[in-house]
Amino acid sequence: MAMKSKAPNRSGSQAAQRGERGRNPQGGNRPQQPPAKARSQPRGEESPAAVAAPPKEVVVTEAITVRDLATLMQRSPIDLIKILMQYGIMAPITHTIDHDTAVILGEELGVAVLWPPKTAEELQESASTEPAPPNSRASALLFKNAWQASLPIA
């Protein structure tokens, strides 16, 4: 019976010299990866056409989370959290902030924060619930009558 001879064991460096892809020269069983192609632009930078300009104004109701406000402003939530920390507010991304705080964040980032427009129903409600301005003549008469009523009768 004829015995087959085994091929000699090649190390990674010998395989690399011969142009073969085999074992990693540093050891291990992972094959070597070909070098990555060079990028046309450095990492983290996008082409000017791909970056949308941030909005000039956003509409915020009474309260909003940091994440939602960052999404409206097209900013990273980290940017908003950094500004809040400068003001001494330790806020996580899920923290709910009020409208006034959102206005302050908007001023820091150059974005106007507005209230939502009022509907017709809200306008009618506010008109009916607002008291009429006091009439100076009527209030003077009421005061005079109340003062006269408090005088003792002689």
C-alpha atoms as a PDB file:
ATOM      1  CA  MET A   1       0.000   0.000   0.000  1.00  0.00           C
ATOM      2  CA  ALA A   2       1.383   3.310  -1.015  1.00  0.00           C
ATOM      3  CA  MET A   3       1.341   6.117   1.476  1.00  0.00           C
ATOM      4  CA  LYS A   4       0.556   9.619   0.445  1.00  0.00           C
ATOM      5  CA  SER A   5       3.046  12.147   1.558  1.00  0.00           C
ATOM      6  CA  LYS A   6       1.732  15.170   3.306  1.00  0.00           C
ATOM      7  CA  ALA A   7       2.545  18.603   1.976  1.00  0.00           C
ATOM      8  CA  PRO A   8       4.937  20.509   4.212  1.00  0.00           C
ATOM      9  CA  ASN A   9       3.290  22.831   6.710  1.00  0.00           C
ATOM     10  CA  ARG A  10       3.671  26.380   5.514  1.00  0.00           C
ATOM     11  CA  SER A  11       3.816  29.234   7.975  1.00  0.00           C
ATOM     12  CA  GLY A  12       1.937  32.457   7.395  1.00  0.00           C
ATOM     13  CA  SER A  13       5.026  34.384   6.303  1.00  0.00           C
ATOM     14  CA  GLN A  14       5.958  31.801   3.673  1.00  0.00           C
ATOM     15  CA  ALA A  15       2.407  31.855   2.352  1.00  0.00           C
ATOM     16  CA  ALA A  16       2.522  35.645   2.266  1.00  0.00           C
ATOM     17  CA  GLN A  17       5.793  35.542   0.333  1.00  0.00           C
ATOM     18  CA  ARG A  18       4.193  33.307  -2.252  1.00  0.00           C
ATOM     19  CA  GLY A  19       1.151  35.609  -2.481  1.00  0.00           C
ATOM     20  CA  GLU A  20      -1.202  33.099  -0.951  1.00  0.00           C
ATOM     21  CA  ARG A  21      -3.938  34.046   1.427  1.00  0.00           C
ATOM     22  CA  GLY A  22      -3.731  31.754   4.331  1.00  0.00           C
ATOM     23  CA  ARG A  23      -3.160  32.076   7.993  1.00  0.00           C
ATOM     24  CA  ASN A  24      -2.592  35.402   9.654  1.00  0.00           C
ATOM     25  CA  PRO A  25       1.165  36.047  10.210  1.00  0.00           C
ATOM     26  CA  GLN A  26       0.402  37.233  13.761  1.00  0.00           C
ATOM     27  CA  GLY A  27      -1.073  33.875  14.527  1.00  0.00           C
ATOM     28  CA  GLY A  28      -4.579  32.643  14.912  1.00  0.00           C
ATOM     29  CA  ASN A  29      -6.862  31.066  12.386  1.00  0.00           C
ATOM     30  CA  ARG A  30      -8.328  34.239  10.950  1.00  0.00           C
ATOM     31  CA  PRO A  31      -7.273  34.837   7.374  1.00  0.00           C
ATOM     32  CA  GLN A  32      -5.672  38.130   6.492  1.00  0.00           C
ATOM     33  CA  GLN A  33      -7.946  40.821   5.197  1.00  0.00           C
ATOM     34  CA  PRO A  34      -6.949  42.833   2.180  1.00  0.00           C
ATOM     35  CA  PRO A  35      -6.200  46.493   2.954  1.00  0.00           C
ATOM     36  CA  ALA A  36      -9.235  48.752   3.033  1.00  0.00           C
ATOM     37  CA  LYS A  37      -9.725  51.058   0.084  1.00  0.00           C
ATOM     38  CA  ALA A  38      -8.796  54.652   0.691  1.00  0.00           C
ATOM     39  CA  ARG A  39     -11.745  56.928   1.295  1.00  0.00           C
ATOM     40  CA  SER A  40     -12.273  59.946  -0.886  1.00  0.00           C
ATOM     41  CA  GLN A  41     -13.247  62.051   2.157  1.00  0.00           C
ATOM     42  CA  PRO A  42     -12.036  61.846   5.756  1.00  0.00           C
ATOM     43  CA  ARG A  43     -14.340  60.208   8.261  1.00  0.00           C
ATOM     44  CA  GLY A  44     -16.956  62.325   9.961  1.00  0.00           C
ATOM     45  CA  GLU A  45     -17.183  64.800   7.097  1.00  0.00           C
ATOM     46  CA  GLU A  46     -20.057  64.698   4.672  1.00  0.00           C
ATOM     47  CA  SER A  47     -20.394  66.405   1.372  1.00  0.00           C
ATOM     48  CA  PRO A  48     -22.018  69.856   1.563  1.00  0.00           C
ATOM     49  CA  ALA A  49     -25.001  68.691  -0.497  1.00  0.00           C
ATOM     50  CA  ALA A  50     -25.743  65.862   1.972  1.00  0.00           C
ATOM     51  CA  VAL A  51     -25.870  68.130   5.044  1.00  0.00           C
ATOM     52  CA  ALA A  52     -29.217  69.914   5.389  1.00  0.00           C
ATOM     53  CA  ALA A  53     -29.231  73.365   6.892  1.00  0.00           C
ATOM     54  CA  PRO A  54     -30.676  73.405  10.414  1.00  0.00           C
ATOM     55  CA  PRO A  55     -34.111  75.003  10.709  1.00  0.00           C
ATOM     56  CA  LYS A  56     -34.443  78.667  11.630  1.00  0.00           C
ATOM     57  CA  GLU A  57     -37.457  78.032  13.875  1.00  0.00           C
ATOM     58  CA  VAL A  58     -39.219  75.116  15.521  1.00  0.00           C
ATOM     59  CA  VAL A  59     -42.637  74.826  17.163  1.00  0.00           C
ATOM     60  CA  VAL A  60     -42.689  73.465  20.718  1.00  0.00           C
ATOM     61  CA  THR A  61     -45.706  72.956  22.989  1.00  0.00           C
ATOM     62  CA  GLU A  62     -45.592  73.247  26.792  1.00  0.00           C
ATOM     63  CA  ALA A  63     -43.117  70.386  27.244  1.00  0.00           C
ATOM     64  CA  ILE A  64     -40.788  68.267  25.083  1.00  0.00           C
ATOM     65  CA  THR A  65     -38.046  65.695  25.672  1.00  0.00           C
ATOM     66  CA  VAL A  66     -34.406  66.486  24.958  1.00  0.00           C
ATOM     67  CA  ARG A  67     -34.323  63.812  22.233  1.00  0.00           C
ATOM     68  CA  ASP A  68     -37.406  65.192  20.464  1.00  0.00           C
ATOM     69  CA  LEU A  69     -36.134  68.770  20.615  1.00  0.00           C
ATOM     70  CA  ALA A  70     -32.779  67.676  19.194  1.00  0.00           C
ATOM     71  CA  THR A  71     -34.596  65.923  16.360  1.00  0.00           C
ATOM     72  CA  LEU A  72     -36.643  69.049  15.594  1.00  0.00           C
ATOM     73  CA  MET A  73     -33.495  71.205  15.624  1.00  0.00           C
ATOM     74  CA  GLN A  74     -31.574  68.624  13.551  1.00  0.00           C
ATOM     75  CA  ARG A  75     -28.827  68.509  16.171  1.00  0.00           C
ATOM     76  CA  SER A  76     -27.272  65.823  18.285  1.00  0.00           C
ATOM     77  CA  PRO A  77     -28.914  65.363  21.694  1.00  0.00           C
ATOM     78  CA  ILE A  78     -25.384  65.565  23.112  1.00  0.00           C
ATOM     79  CA  ASP A  79     -25.179  69.209  21.986  1.00  0.00           C
ATOM     80  CA  LEU A  80     -28.360  70.056  23.886  1.00  0.00           C
ATOM     81  CA  ILE A  81     -27.227  68.159  26.991  1.00  0.00           C
ATOM     82  CA  LYS A  82     -23.895  70.041  26.971  1.00  0.00           C
ATOM     83  CA  ILE A  83     -25.739  73.374  26.937  1.00  0.00           C
ATOM     84  CA  LEU A  84     -28.040  72.234  29.746  1.00  0.00           C
ATOM     85  CA  MET A  85     -24.986  71.206  31.780  1.00  0.00           C
ATOM     86  CA  GLN A  86     -23.503  74.689  31.283  1.00  0.00           C
ATOM     87  CA  TYR A  87     -26.662  76.018  32.938  1.00  0.00           C
ATOM     88  CA  GLY A  88     -26.328  73.506  35.770  1.00  0.00           C
ATOM     89  CA  ILE A  89     -29.050  71.116  34.606  1.00  0.00           C
ATOM     90  CA  MET A  90     -28.107  67.436  34.580  1.00  0.00           C
ATOM     91  CA  ALA A  91     -30.631  66.138  32.061  1.00  0.00           C
ATOM     92  CA  PRO A  92     -30.635  62.714  30.407  1.00  0.00           C
ATOM     93  CA  ILE A  93     -31.836  62.324  26.848  1.00  0.00           C
ATOM     94  CA  THR A  94     -35.309  61.316  28.088  1.00  0.00           C
ATOM     95  CA  HIS A  95     -35.685  64.367  30.350  1.00  0.00           C
ATOM     96  CA  THR A  96     -38.744  66.525  29.685  1.00  0.00           C
ATOM     97  CA  ILE A  97     -38.031  70.242  29.519  1.00  0.00           C
ATOM     98  CA  ASP A  98     -40.520  73.100  29.507  1.00  0.00           C
ATOM     99  CA  HIS A  99     -41.046  75.643  26.744  1.00  0.00           C
ATOM    100  CA  ASP A 100     -38.924  78.337  28.420  1.00  0.00           C
ATOM    101  CA  THR A 101     -35.920  76.004  28.683  1.00  0.00           C
ATOM    102  CA  ALA A 102     -36.399  75.031  25.042  1.00  0.00           C
ATOM    103  CA  VAL A 103     -36.307  78.733  24.145  1.00  0.00           C
ATOM    104  CA  ILE A 104     -32.981  79.123  25.976  1.00  0.00           C
ATOM    105  CA  LEU A 105     -31.549  76.087  24.150  1.00  0.00           C
ATOM    106  CA  GLY A 106     -32.797  77.501  20.861  1.00  0.00           C
ATOM    107  CA  GLU A 107     -31.114  80.853  21.513  1.00  0.00           C
ATOM    108  CA  GLU A 108     -27.822  79.089  22.191  1.00  0.00           C
ATOM    109  CA  LEU A 109     -28.099  77.112  18.943  1.00  0.00           C
ATOM    110  CA  GLY A 110     -29.501  79.930  16.801  1.00  0.00           C
ATOM    111  CA  VAL A 111     -32.969  78.422  16.392  1.00  0.00           C
ATOM    112  CA  ALA A 112     -36.163  80.312  17.257  1.00  0.00           C
ATOM    113  CA  VAL A 113     -38.548  78.275  19.439  1.00  0.00           C
ATOM    114  CA  LEU A 114     -42.185  79.248  18.940  1.00  0.00           C
ATOM    115  CA  TRP A 115     -45.511  78.337  20.501  1.00  0.00           C
ATOM    116  CA  PRO A 116     -47.912  76.431  18.248  1.00  0.00           C
ATOM    117  CA  PRO A 117     -50.467  78.672  16.528  1.00  0.00           C
ATOM    118  CA  LYS A 118     -53.780  79.030  18.326  1.00  0.00           C
ATOM    119  CA  THR A 119     -56.875  77.495  16.809  1.00  0.00           C
ATOM    120  CA  ALA A 120     -60.141  79.390  16.314  1.00  0.00           C
ATOM    121  CA  GLU A 121     -61.663  77.673  19.363  1.00  0.00           C
ATOM    122  CA  GLU A 122     -58.761  78.715  21.589  1.00  0.00           C
ATOM    123  CA  LEU A 123     -59.058  82.306  20.365  1.00  0.00           C
ATOM    124  CA  GLN A 124     -62.784  82.369  21.226  1.00  0.00           C
ATOM    125  CA  GLU A 125     -62.099  80.866  24.667  1.00  0.00           C
ATOM    126  CA  SER A 126     -59.420  83.402  25.495  1.00  0.00           C
ATOM    127  CA  ALA A 127     -61.652  86.280  24.364  1.00  0.00           C
ATOM    128  CA  SER A 128     -64.579  85.127  26.510  1.00  0.00           C
ATOM    129  CA  THR A 129     -62.529  84.404  29.658  1.00  0.00           C
ATOM    130  CA  GLU A 130     -60.518  87.625  29.656  1.00  0.00           C
ATOM    131  CA  PRO A 131     -62.084  90.147  32.015  1.00  0.00           C
ATOM    132  CA  ALA A 132     -62.861  93.552  30.611  1.00  0.00           C
ATOM    133  CA  PRO A 133     -60.416  96.238  31.684  1.00  0.00           C
ATOM    134  CA  PRO A 134     -61.719  98.045  34.765  1.00  0.00           C
ATOM    135  CA  ASN A 135     -63.467 101.328  34.157  1.00  0.00           C
ATOM    136  CA  SER A 136     -61.801 103.911  36.346  1.00  0.00           C
ATOM    137  CA  ARG A 137     -65.074 105.817  36.904  1.00  0.00           C
ATOM    138  CA  ALA A 138     -67.003 102.684  37.865  1.00  0.00           C
ATOM    139  CA  SER A 139     -64.325 101.459  40.246  1.00  0.00           C
ATOM    140  CA  ALA A 140     -64.136 104.901  41.891  1.00  0.00           C
ATOM    141  CA  LEU A 141     -67.899 104.852  42.519  1.00  0.00           C
ATOM    142  CA  LEU A 142     -67.727 101.342  43.977  1.00  0.00           C
ATOM    143  CA  PHE A 143     -64.924 102.398  46.296  1.00  0.00           C
ATOM    144  CA  LYS A 144     -66.835 105.526  47.380  1.00  0.00           C
ATOM    145  CA  ASN A 145     -70.010 103.525  48.115  1.00  0.00           C
ATOM    146  CA  ALA A 146     -68.068 100.903  50.101  1.00  0.00           C
ATOM    147  CA  TRP A 147     -66.316 103.648  52.074  1.00  0.00           C
ATOM    148  CA  GLN A 148     -69.566 105.426  52.875  1.00  0.00           C
ATOM    149  CA  ALA A 149     -71.167 102.184  54.011  1.00  0.00           C
ATOM    150  CA  SER A 150     -68.361 101.576  56.486  1.00  0.00           C
ATOM    151  CA  LEU A 151     -68.841 104.984  58.223  1.00  0.00           C
ATOM    152  CA  PRO A 152     -70.700 104.892  61.522  1.00  0.00           C
ATOM    153  CA  ILE A 153     -74.130 106.370  61.471  1.00  0.00           C
ATOM    154  CA  ALA A 154     -74.393 109.420  63.751  1.00  0.00           C
END
